[in-house]
C-alpha atoms as a PDB file:
ATOM      1  CA  MET A   1       3.907 -45.180  45.396  1.00  0.00           C
ATOM      2  CA  GLY A   2       3.589 -42.601  47.761  1.00  0.00           C
ATOM      3  CA  LYS A   3       3.029 -42.718  51.952  1.00  0.00           C
ATOM      4  CA  GLU A   4       0.406 -44.987  52.789  1.00  0.00           C
ATOM      5  CA  TYR A   5      -1.826 -43.717  56.131  1.00  0.00           C
ATOM      6  CA  GLU A   6      -1.563 -45.516  58.952  1.00  0.00           C
ATOM      7  CA  GLN A   7      -4.692 -46.528  60.172  1.00  0.00           C
ATOM      8  CA  ASP A   8      -4.124 -45.439  63.106  1.00  0.00           C
ATOM      9  CA  LEU A   9      -2.714 -41.652  62.583  1.00  0.00           C
ATOM     10  CA  LEU A  10      -6.284 -42.010  60.335  1.00  0.00           C
ATOM     11  CA  LYS A  11      -8.837 -43.377  62.200  1.00  0.00           C
ATOM     12  CA  LYS A  12      -7.640 -40.977  65.437  1.00  0.00           C
ATOM     13  CA  THR A  13      -8.056 -37.892  62.787  1.00  0.00           C
ATOM     14  CA  GLN A  14     -11.245 -38.930  61.999  1.00  0.00           C
ATOM     15  CA  ILE A  15     -12.558 -38.872  65.698  1.00  0.00           C
ATOM     16  CA  ILE A  16     -11.517 -35.598  66.096  1.00  0.00           C
ATOM     17  CA  LEU A  17     -12.722 -34.380  62.887  1.00  0.00           C
ATOM     18  CA  THR A  18     -15.934 -36.044  63.813  1.00  0.00           C
ATOM     19  CA  ASP A  19     -15.456 -33.883  67.916  1.00  0.00           C
ATOM     20  CA  MET A  20     -15.422 -30.870  65.939  1.00  0.00           C
ATOM     21  CA  MET A  21     -18.442 -31.357  63.854  1.00  0.00           C
ATOM     22  CA  ARG A  22     -20.161 -33.024  66.504  1.00  0.00           C
ATOM     23  CA  GLN A  23     -19.563 -29.350  68.560  1.00  0.00           C
ATOM     24  CA  PHE A  24     -19.741 -27.285  65.204  1.00  0.00           C
ATOM     25  CA  ASP A  25     -23.601 -28.260  64.822  1.00  0.00           C
ATOM     26  CA  LYS A  26     -24.476 -28.254  68.285  1.00  0.00           C
ATOM     27  CA  ILE A  27     -22.990 -24.290  68.030  1.00  0.00           C
ATOM     28  CA  CYS A  28     -25.293 -24.119  64.852  1.00  0.00           C
ATOM     29  CA  ARG A  29     -28.415 -25.633  66.519  1.00  0.00           C
ATOM     30  CA  ASP A  30     -28.492 -23.734  69.545  1.00  0.00           C
ATOM     31  CA  ASN A  31     -28.124 -20.770  67.617  1.00  0.00           C
ATOM     32  CA  ASP A  32     -30.272 -20.993  64.892  1.00  0.00           C
ATOM     33  CA  ILE A  33     -27.435 -21.130  62.295  1.00  0.00           C
ATOM     34  CA  ASP A  34     -28.527 -23.400  58.949  1.00  0.00           C
ATOM     35  CA  TYR A  35     -25.365 -25.128  57.335  1.00  0.00           C
ATOM     36  CA  PHE A  36     -24.884 -28.514  55.299  1.00  0.00           C
ATOM     37  CA  VAL A  37     -22.286 -30.805  54.851  1.00  0.00           C
ATOM     38  CA  ALA A  38     -20.714 -30.498  51.399  1.00  0.00           C
ATOM     39  CA  TYR A  39     -18.259 -32.380  49.012  1.00  0.00           C
ATOM     40  CA  GLY A  40     -17.056 -35.383  49.778  1.00  0.00           C
ATOM     41  CA  THR A  41     -18.518 -35.553  54.054  1.00  0.00           C
ATOM     42  CA  ALA A  42     -21.677 -35.213  51.877  1.00  0.00           C
ATOM     43  CA  ILE A  43     -21.122 -38.176  49.665  1.00  0.00           C
ATOM     44  CA  GLY A  44     -19.729 -39.702  52.753  1.00  0.00           C
ATOM     45  CA  ALA A  45     -22.759 -39.505  54.487  1.00  0.00           C
ATOM     46  CA  ILE A  46     -25.405 -40.480  51.996  1.00  0.00           C
ATOM     47  CA  ARG A  47     -23.022 -43.311  50.679  1.00  0.00           C
ATOM     48  CA  HIS A  48     -21.403 -44.389  54.267  1.00  0.00           C
ATOM     49  CA  LYS A  49     -23.632 -42.625  57.086  1.00  0.00           C
ATOM     50  CA  GLY A  50     -20.005 -41.417  58.131  1.00  0.00           C
ATOM     51  CA  PHE A  51     -16.329 -40.582  56.541  1.00  0.00           C
ATOM     52  CA  ILE A  52     -15.952 -41.622  53.421  1.00  0.00           C
ATOM     53  CA  PRO A  53     -12.960 -44.566  54.969  1.00  0.00           C
ATOM     54  CA  TRP A  54     -10.202 -42.867  53.456  1.00  0.00           C
ATOM     55  CA  ASP A  55     -10.827 -39.527  53.975  1.00  0.00           C
ATOM     56  CA  ASP A  56      -9.497 -37.451  56.559  1.00  0.00           C
ATOM     57  CA  ASP A  57     -11.062 -33.679  56.383  1.00  0.00           C
ATOM     58  CA  ILE A  58     -14.482 -32.326  56.385  1.00  0.00           C
ATOM     59  CA  ASP A  59     -16.104 -29.654  54.359  1.00  0.00           C
ATOM     60  CA  VAL A  60     -19.393 -27.667  55.334  1.00  0.00           C
ATOM     61  CA  GLY A  61     -20.973 -24.999  53.398  1.00  0.00           C
ATOM     62  CA  MET A  62     -23.005 -21.928  55.274  1.00  0.00           C
ATOM     63  CA  MET A  63     -24.644 -18.730  53.256  1.00  0.00           C
ATOM     64  CA  ARG A  64     -22.245 -15.864  53.768  1.00  0.00           C
ATOM     65  CA  THR A  65     -25.339 -14.386  56.471  1.00  0.00           C
ATOM     66  CA  GLU A  66     -24.924 -17.622  58.346  1.00  0.00           C
ATOM     67  CA  TYR A  67     -21.202 -17.240  59.158  1.00  0.00           C
ATOM     68  CA  GLU A  68     -21.717 -13.589  60.450  1.00  0.00           C
ATOM     69  CA  LYS A  69     -23.963 -15.198  63.033  1.00  0.00           C
ATOM     70  CA  LEU A  70     -21.294 -17.725  63.684  1.00  0.00           C
ATOM     71  CA  LYS A  71     -18.781 -15.566  64.194  1.00  0.00           C
ATOM     72  CA  LYS A  72     -20.842 -13.567  67.098  1.00  0.00           C
ATOM     73  CA  VAL A  73     -21.032 -16.610  68.885  1.00  0.00           C
ATOM     74  CA  PHE A  74     -17.863 -17.350  68.897  1.00  0.00           C
ATOM     75  CA  GLU A  75     -16.778 -13.616  69.647  1.00  0.00           C
ATOM     76  CA  THR A  76     -19.681 -13.783  72.836  1.00  0.00           C
ATOM     77  CA  GLN A  77     -19.842 -17.563  73.624  1.00  0.00           C
ATOM     78  CA  ASP A  78     -16.982 -20.016  75.745  1.00  0.00           C
ATOM     79  CA  THR A  79     -16.506 -22.061  72.081  1.00  0.00           C
ATOM     80  CA  GLY A  80     -13.897 -24.593  74.271  1.00  0.00           C
ATOM     81  CA  ASN A  81     -10.556 -25.479  72.084  1.00  0.00           C
ATOM     82  CA  LEU A  82     -12.651 -24.553  68.581  1.00  0.00           C
ATOM     83  CA  TYR A  83     -11.794 -21.365  66.550  1.00  0.00           C
ATOM     84  CA  LEU A  84     -12.227 -19.524  63.692  1.00  0.00           C
ATOM     85  CA  SER A  85     -10.085 -18.688  61.382  1.00  0.00           C
ATOM     86  CA  SER A  86     -10.715 -16.068  57.813  1.00  0.00           C
ATOM     87  CA  ALA A  87      -9.041 -14.195  55.196  1.00  0.00           C
ATOM     88  CA  ASP A  88      -9.604 -10.880  56.902  1.00  0.00           C
ATOM     89  CA  SER A  89      -8.063 -12.001  60.512  1.00  0.00           C
ATOM     90  CA  ASP A  90      -4.644 -12.306  61.983  1.00  0.00           C
ATOM     91  CA  ASP A  91      -4.663 -15.725  61.960  1.00  0.00           C
ATOM     92  CA  GLU A  92      -0.878 -16.476  60.445  1.00  0.00           C
ATOM     93  CA  TRP A  93      -1.631 -20.024  59.330  1.00  0.00           C
ATOM     94  CA  HIS A  94      -4.291 -19.007  57.460  1.00  0.00           C
ATOM     95  CA  ASP A  95      -4.362 -19.550  53.518  1.00  0.00           C
ATOM     96  CA  LYS A  96      -7.776 -19.738  51.723  1.00  0.00           C
ATOM     97  CA  PHE A  97     -10.269 -17.020  51.343  1.00  0.00           C
ATOM     98  CA  PHE A  98     -13.007 -19.391  53.142  1.00  0.00           C
ATOM     99  CA  PRO A  99     -12.714 -19.734  57.095  1.00  0.00           C
ATOM    100  CA  LYS A 100     -11.646 -22.645  59.003  1.00  0.00           C
ATOM    101  CA  LEU A 101     -12.669 -24.293  62.433  1.00  0.00           C
ATOM    102  CA  ASN A 102      -9.774 -25.229  64.475  1.00  0.00           C
ATOM    103  CA  TYR A 103      -8.738 -27.378  67.243  1.00  0.00           C
ATOM    104  CA  ARG A 104      -6.840 -25.029  69.793  1.00  0.00           C
ATOM    105  CA  GLY A 105      -3.632 -26.979  70.858  1.00  0.00           C
ATOM    106  CA  THR A 106      -3.187 -29.328  67.475  1.00  0.00           C
ATOM    107  CA  VAL A 107      -1.030 -29.766  64.769  1.00  0.00           C
ATOM    108  CA  TYR A 108      -1.863 -30.648  61.311  1.00  0.00           C
ATOM    109  CA  ILE A 109       0.832 -30.321  58.122  1.00  0.00           C
ATOM    110  CA  SER A 110       0.329 -31.763  54.621  1.00  0.00           C
ATOM    111  CA  ASP A 111       3.161 -32.814  52.533  1.00  0.00           C
ATOM    112  CA  ASN A 112       2.234 -30.332  49.902  1.00  0.00           C
ATOM    113  CA  TRP A 113       2.322 -27.376  52.401  1.00  0.00           C
ATOM    114  CA  HIS A 114       6.062 -28.638  54.126  1.00  0.00           C
ATOM    115  CA  ASP A 115       6.916 -28.657  50.149  1.00  0.00           C
ATOM    116  CA  SER A 116       5.799 -25.583  48.967  1.00  0.00           C
ATOM    117  CA  PHE A 117       5.603 -23.077  52.160  1.00  0.00           C
ATOM    118  CA  GLU A 118       8.976 -21.553  53.731  1.00  0.00           C
ATOM    119  CA  LYS A 119       7.039 -21.600  57.344  1.00  0.00           C
ATOM    120  CA  ASP A 120       5.524 -25.224  58.158  1.00  0.00           C
ATOM    121  CA  GLY A 121       4.676 -24.633  61.979  1.00  0.00           C
ATOM    122  CA  GLU A 122       6.255 -28.064  62.049  1.00  0.00           C
ATOM    123  CA  LYS A 123       6.273 -27.544  65.971  1.00  0.00           C
ATOM    124  CA  ASP A 124       3.503 -24.971  66.749  1.00  0.00           C
ATOM    125  CA  GLY A 125       1.219 -23.624  63.381  1.00  0.00           C
ATOM    126  CA  ARG A 126      -1.274 -25.303  61.329  1.00  0.00           C
ATOM    127  CA  PRO A 127      -3.742 -27.132  63.639  1.00  0.00           C
ATOM    128  CA  ILE A 128      -6.408 -29.570  62.660  1.00  0.00           C
ATOM    129  CA  ASN A 129      -9.802 -28.152  60.708  1.00  0.00           C
ATOM    130  CA  PHE A 130     -12.206 -28.031  58.182  1.00  0.00           C
ATOM    131  CA  ASP A 131     -13.301 -25.926  56.232  1.00  0.00           C
ATOM    132  CA  ILE A 132     -16.419 -23.389  55.807  1.00  0.00           C
ATOM    133  CA  PHE A 133     -17.611 -22.728  52.326  1.00  0.00           C
ATOM    134  CA  LEU A 134     -19.511 -19.671  51.972  1.00  0.00           C
ATOM    135  CA  TYR A 135     -21.928 -18.847  49.397  1.00  0.00           C
ATOM    136  CA  ASP A 136     -24.030 -16.012  48.173  1.00  0.00           C
ATOM    137  CA  TYR A 137     -26.105 -14.720  45.930  1.00  0.00           C
ATOM    138  CA  ALA A 138     -25.481 -15.231  41.996  1.00  0.00           C
ATOM    139  CA  ASP A 139     -27.137 -14.663  38.322  1.00  0.00           C
ATOM    140  CA  GLU A 140     -26.147 -15.962  35.347  1.00  0.00           C
ATOM    141  CA  ASP A 141     -23.054 -13.987  35.493  1.00  0.00           C
ATOM    142  CA  HIS A 142     -21.276 -15.813  37.970  1.00  0.00           C
ATOM    143  CA  LEU A 143     -19.050 -17.995  35.126  1.00  0.00           C
ATOM    144  CA  LYS A 144     -17.635 -14.502  34.597  1.00  0.00           C
ATOM    145  CA  ILE A 145     -17.145 -13.061  38.426  1.00  0.00           C
ATOM    146  CA  ALA A 146     -15.921 -16.452  38.589  1.00  0.00           C
ATOM    147  CA  LYS A 147     -12.978 -16.506  36.386  1.00  0.00           C
ATOM    148  CA  LYS A 148     -11.914 -13.003  38.171  1.00  0.00           C
ATOM    149  CA  THR A 149     -11.612 -14.032  41.690  1.00  0.00           C
ATOM    150  CA  MET A 150      -8.772 -16.218  40.804  1.00  0.00           C
ATOM    151  CA  ASP A 151      -6.225 -14.595  40.556  1.00  0.00           C
ATOM    152  CA  LEU A 152      -7.478 -12.891  43.756  1.00  0.00           C
ATOM    153  CA  LYS A 153      -6.959 -16.273  45.453  1.00  0.00           C
ATOM    154  CA  ARG A 154      -3.770 -17.140  44.207  1.00  0.00           C
ATOM    155  CA  ASN A 155      -2.747 -13.468  44.835  1.00  0.00           C
ATOM    156  CA  TYR A 156      -3.443 -13.901  48.472  1.00  0.00           C
ATOM    157  CA  MET A 157      -2.078 -16.972  49.092  1.00  0.00           C
ATOM    158  CA  TYR A 158       1.040 -16.454  47.605  1.00  0.00           C
ATOM    159  CA  THR A 159       1.661 -12.842  48.870  1.00  0.00           C
ATOM    160  CA  LYS A 160       0.973 -14.258  52.245  1.00  0.00           C
ATOM    161  CA  PHE A 161       3.594 -17.127  52.253  1.00  0.00           C
ATOM    162  CA  LYS A 162       6.842 -17.685  50.736  1.00  0.00           C
ATOM    163  CA  ALA A 163       6.902 -19.856  48.551  1.00  0.00           C
ATOM    164  CA  LYS A 164      10.349 -22.886  48.720  1.00  0.00           C
ATOM    165  CA  LEU A 165      12.406 -22.915  45.409  1.00  0.00           C
ATOM    166  CA  ILE A 166      11.657 -25.919  44.586  1.00  0.00           C
ATOM    167  CA  LYS A 167      14.289 -27.747  42.433  1.00  0.00           C
ATOM    168  CA  GLY A 168      14.818 -31.535  40.962  1.00  0.00           C
ATOM    169  CA  LYS A 169      11.375 -31.368  39.848  1.00  0.00           C
ATOM    170  CA  GLY A 170      11.543 -30.335  36.657  1.00  0.00           C
ATOM    171  CA  VAL A 171      11.747 -26.909  35.125  1.00  0.00           C
ATOM    172  CA  GLY A 172       8.017 -26.207  35.243  1.00  0.00           C
ATOM    173  CA  ALA A 173       7.760 -26.889  39.269  1.00  0.00           C
ATOM    174  CA  PHE A 174      10.848 -24.590  39.648  1.00  0.00           C
ATOM    175  CA  VAL A 175       9.088 -21.506  37.112  1.00  0.00           C
ATOM    176  CA  SER A 176       6.466 -21.938  39.264  1.00  0.00           C
ATOM    177  CA  SER A 177       7.617 -21.915  42.619  1.00  0.00           C
ATOM    178  CA  LEU A 178       9.999 -18.769  41.798  1.00  0.00           C
ATOM    179  CA  ALA A 179       7.123 -16.874  40.044  1.00  0.00           C
ATOM    180  CA  LYS A 180       5.230 -17.562  43.725  1.00  0.00           C
ATOM    181  CA  ARG A 181       8.778 -16.776  45.583  1.00  0.00           C
ATOM    182  CA  LEU A 182       8.822 -13.360  43.745  1.00  0.00           C
ATOM    183  CA  MET A 183       4.562 -12.394  43.943  1.00  0.00           C
ATOM    184  CA  TYR A 184       5.390 -12.895  47.746  1.00  0.00           C
ATOM    185  CA  ASP A 185       9.477 -11.088  47.469  1.00  0.00           C
ATOM    186  CA  ILE A 186       7.402  -7.785  46.309  1.00  0.00           C
ATOM    187  CA  HIS A 187       4.201  -7.619  48.446  1.00  0.00           C
ATOM    188  CA  ALA A 188       6.303  -8.056  51.305  1.00  0.00           C
ATOM    189  CA  SER A 189       6.702  -4.781  52.817  1.00  0.00           C
ATOM    190  CA  ASP A 190       2.880  -4.527  52.697  1.00  0.00           C
ATOM    191  CA  PRO A 191       1.862  -6.882  55.472  1.00  0.00           C
ATOM    192  CA  ASP A 192      -1.566  -6.295  54.608  1.00  0.00           C
ATOM    193  CA  TYR A 193      -1.537  -6.653  51.070  1.00  0.00           C
ATOM    194  CA  PRO A 194      -3.355 -10.513  51.500  1.00  0.00           C
ATOM    195  CA  LYS A 195      -5.936  -8.988  53.219  1.00  0.00           C
ATOM    196  CA  LYS A 196      -6.873  -5.964  50.834  1.00  0.00           C
ATOM    197  CA  GLN A 197      -6.758  -8.646  47.665  1.00  0.00           C
ATOM    198  CA  PHE A 198      -9.738 -10.366  49.864  1.00  0.00           C
ATOM    199  CA  ALA A 199     -11.374  -7.040  50.260  1.00  0.00           C
ATOM    200  CA  LYS A 200     -11.599  -6.471  46.453  1.00  0.00           C
ATOM    201  CA  TYR A 201     -12.819 -10.028  46.361  1.00  0.00           C
ATOM    202  CA  LEU A 202     -15.642  -9.369  48.755  1.00  0.00           C
ATOM    203  CA  LYS A 203     -16.337  -6.357  46.645  1.00  0.00           C
ATOM    204  CA  LEU A 204     -16.587  -8.445  43.190  1.00  0.00           C
ATOM    205  CA  ILE A 205     -18.626 -10.862  44.493  1.00  0.00           C
ATOM    206  CA  GLU A 206     -21.674  -8.489  46.478  1.00  0.00           C
ATOM    207  CA  HIS A 207     -24.674  -9.468  44.714  1.00  0.00           C
ATOM    208  CA  PRO A 208     -28.240  -8.444  46.528  1.00  0.00           C
ATOM    209  CA  LYS A 209     -30.643 -11.468  47.260  1.00  0.00           C
ATOM    210  CA  SER A 210     -31.714 -13.288  44.261  1.00  0.00           C
ATOM    211  CA  ASP A 211     -33.288 -16.925  43.348  1.00  0.00           C
ATOM    212  CA  TYR A 212     -29.440 -18.824  42.859  1.00  0.00           C
ATOM    213  CA  ILE A 213     -26.366 -19.048  45.297  1.00  0.00           C
ATOM    214  CA  ILE A 214     -22.723 -19.836  44.567  1.00  0.00           C
ATOM    215  CA  CYS A 215     -19.721 -20.565  46.518  1.00  0.00           C
ATOM    216  CA  TYR A 216     -17.034 -18.560  44.576  1.00  0.00           C
ATOM    217  CA  ASP A 217     -14.486 -19.393  47.970  1.00  0.00           C
ATOM    218  CA  THR A 218     -13.310 -22.723  46.326  1.00  0.00           C
ATOM    219  CA  TRP A 219      -9.238 -22.921  44.661  1.00  0.00           C
ATOM    220  CA  SER A 220     -10.567 -24.099  41.438  1.00  0.00           C
ATOM    221  CA  GLU A 221     -12.903 -22.705  38.397  1.00  0.00           C
ATOM    222  CA  PHE A 222     -14.725 -26.193  38.319  1.00  0.00           C
ATOM    223  CA  ASP A 223     -15.849 -26.690  42.011  1.00  0.00           C
ATOM    224  CA  VAL A 224     -17.056 -22.896  41.963  1.00  0.00           C
ATOM    225  CA  THR A 225     -19.250 -23.237  38.804  1.00  0.00           C
ATOM    226  CA  SER A 226     -20.670 -26.781  39.723  1.00  0.00           C
ATOM    227  CA  SER A 227     -21.354 -25.276  43.460  1.00  0.00           C
ATOM    228  CA  PHE A 228     -23.890 -23.227  41.295  1.00  0.00           C
ATOM    229  CA  ILE A 229     -28.202 -23.574  42.374  1.00  0.00           C
ATOM    230  CA  ARG A 230     -31.261 -22.571  43.454  1.00  0.00           C
ATOM    231  CA  TYR A 231     -31.785 -20.548  46.519  1.00  0.00           C
ATOM    232  CA  ASP A 232     -34.763 -23.206  47.212  1.00  0.00           C
ATOM    233  CA  GLU A 233     -32.967 -26.482  45.848  1.00  0.00           C
ATOM    234  CA  SER A 234     -30.445 -25.922  48.978  1.00  0.00           C
ATOM    235  CA  PHE A 235     -33.429 -24.680  51.460  1.00  0.00           C
ATOM    236  CA  PRO A 236     -34.681 -26.109  54.218  1.00  0.00           C
ATOM    237  CA  THR A 237     -31.619 -28.073  54.421  1.00  0.00           C
ATOM    238  CA  LYS A 238     -32.591 -32.177  55.449  1.00  0.00           C
ATOM    239  CA  SER A 239     -31.024 -34.211  58.038  1.00  0.00           C
ATOM    240  CA  VAL A 240     -28.389 -37.103  57.580  1.00  0.00           C
ATOM    241  CA  GLN A 241     -26.595 -39.338  59.642  1.00  0.00           C
ATOM    242  CA  PHE A 242     -22.887 -38.939  59.629  1.00  0.00           C
ATOM    243  CA  GLU A 243     -20.868 -40.973  62.127  1.00  0.00           C
ATOM    244  CA  GLY A 244     -24.163 -40.734  64.542  1.00  0.00           C
ATOM    245  CA  ILE A 245     -24.724 -37.750  64.664  1.00  0.00           C
ATOM    246  CA  ASP A 246     -27.648 -36.040  62.853  1.00  0.00           C
ATOM    247  CA  VAL A 247     -26.356 -32.875  60.961  1.00  0.00           C
ATOM    248  CA  LYS A 248     -27.551 -30.899  57.732  1.00  0.00           C
ATOM    249  CA  ILE A 249     -27.518 -31.221  53.797  1.00  0.00           C
ATOM    250  CA  GLN A 250     -29.187 -29.469  50.825  1.00  0.00           C
ATOM    251  CA  LYS A 251     -32.233 -30.149  50.382  1.00  0.00           C
ATOM    252  CA  ASP A 252     -31.690 -31.629  47.171  1.00  0.00           C
ATOM    253  CA  TYR A 253     -27.736 -32.384  47.580  1.00  0.00           C
ATOM    254  CA  ALA A 254     -28.393 -34.855  44.297  1.00  0.00           C
ATOM    255  CA  LYS A 255     -27.803 -32.440  41.641  1.00  0.00           C
ATOM    256  CA  THR A 256     -24.987 -30.626  43.508  1.00  0.00           C
ATOM    257  CA  LEU A 257     -23.267 -33.951  43.629  1.00  0.00           C
ATOM    258  CA  THR A 258     -23.867 -34.933  40.323  1.00  0.00           C
ATOM    259  CA  ALA A 259     -22.714 -31.419  39.345  1.00  0.00           C
ATOM    260  CA  GLN A 260     -19.636 -32.035  41.051  1.00  0.00           C
ATOM    261  CA  TYR A 261     -18.977 -35.844  41.187  1.00  0.00           C
ATOM    262  CA  GLY A 262     -20.724 -37.378  38.657  1.00  0.00           C
ATOM    263  CA  ASP A 263     -22.096 -41.195  39.822  1.00  0.00           C
ATOM    264  CA  TYR A 264     -21.515 -40.016  43.371  1.00  0.00           C
ATOM    265  CA  MET A 265     -22.994 -43.526  45.032  1.00  0.00           C
ATOM    266  CA  THR A 266     -20.312 -45.365  43.161  1.00  0.00           C
ATOM    267  CA  LEU A 267     -17.570 -46.453  44.639  1.00  0.00           C
ATOM    268  CA  PRO A 268     -14.130 -45.314  42.920  1.00  0.00           C
ATOM    269  CA  PRO A 269     -11.464 -47.844  41.506  1.00  0.00           C
ATOM    270  CA  VAL A 270      -9.372 -49.604  44.148  1.00  0.00           C
ATOM    271  CA  ASP A 271      -6.513 -47.503  43.551  1.00  0.00           C
ATOM    272  CA  GLN A 272      -7.745 -44.212  44.032  1.00  0.00           C
ATOM    273  CA  ARG A 273      -9.358 -44.635  47.385  1.00  0.00           C
ATOM    274  CA  VAL A 274      -6.313 -43.547  48.624  1.00  0.00           C
ATOM    275  CA  ALA A 275      -6.166 -40.111  51.003  1.00  0.00           C
ATOM    276  CA  HIS A 276      -2.660 -38.361  51.352  1.00  0.00           C
ATOM    277  CA  PRO A 277      -0.986 -38.258  55.205  1.00  0.00           C
ATOM    278  CA  PRO A 278       0.177 -35.719  56.591  1.00  0.00           C
ATOM    279  CA  TYR A 279       3.887 -34.297  56.849  1.00  0.00           C
ATOM    280  CA  ASN A 280       3.541 -34.161  60.491  1.00  0.00           C
ATOM    281  CA  VAL A 281       0.739 -34.512  63.121  1.00  0.00           C
ATOM    282  CA  SER A 282       0.033 -33.219  66.733  1.00  0.00           C
ATOM    283  CA  PHE A 283      -2.946 -34.081  68.511  1.00  0.00           C
ATOM    284  CA  GLY A 284      -2.028 -32.168  71.872  1.00  0.00           C
ATOM    285  CA  ASP A 285      -3.466 -33.226  74.599  1.00  0.00           C
ATOM    286  CA  TYR A 286      -6.726 -34.799  73.290  1.00  0.00           C
ATOM    287  CA  LYS A 287      -7.966 -37.519  74.946  1.00  0.00           C
ATOM    288  CA  PHE A 288      -9.219 -40.336  72.190  1.00  0.00           C
ATOM    289  CA  PRO A 289     -12.120 -42.944  73.961  1.00  0.00           C
ATOM    290  CA  ASP A 290      -9.666 -45.200  74.811  1.00  0.00           C
ATOM    291  CA  GLU A 291      -7.380 -42.989  76.655  1.00  0.00           C
ATOM    292  CA  ALA A 292     -10.089 -41.004  78.647  1.00  0.00           C
END
């Protein structure tokens, strides 16, 4: 059995993420930017009116055009300790095609990251963050496009970060880590190679305005295809409570969540109600309620 999450650590993680969500929601409302809570955050909002009790992250979604508006806000306004990172930015820790909202001065390193990559930012690096999944217009060819995006996503991550050679966990794990290491070594002479993969991705998913939208950003093909929905089933968004905050959710959130999780209102078995604690976390100078 793996490590168990210390309840104090989990609670503090949820507090700072809630604060980030509160600030993010205000920024979006003040600047007429639409978004919606997604994945486990959406389930938490509907089923628990907040976090799934054992969850330690936040996911939101928005149209790519809305994200462009959000970027301009962060470029021109004071957003405090919050900052954005994306695949085409110079943020050294950004690891996926979807952008992230980060809390400056914090550190949050998962076990998986620490085990997988040579550089893990233990002292000063990967911050506490939440994911912003971007939606694009799509049509019935979305499955073919989704398949083509998978290699580009892997190319981005494994040419930007140097993989550790995994030993003592079987031949399969070693061969996989070696392949990732070779991808990095082959392209290390071109520091812009990851960004070039992202540019190819943006060109691949480009689509004129249509009746359907999809999120190609996610890491798994199933997550991509299960996000496919009519635009008018997502918008206009509805309001829902999340940890005392009035946040937005897709108009037909039940359709999306059922496609992604099945019976999302039923709690999973007790042995599955777990989160994976981080390898290392630092909240920096953040002042929690009992410390103020």
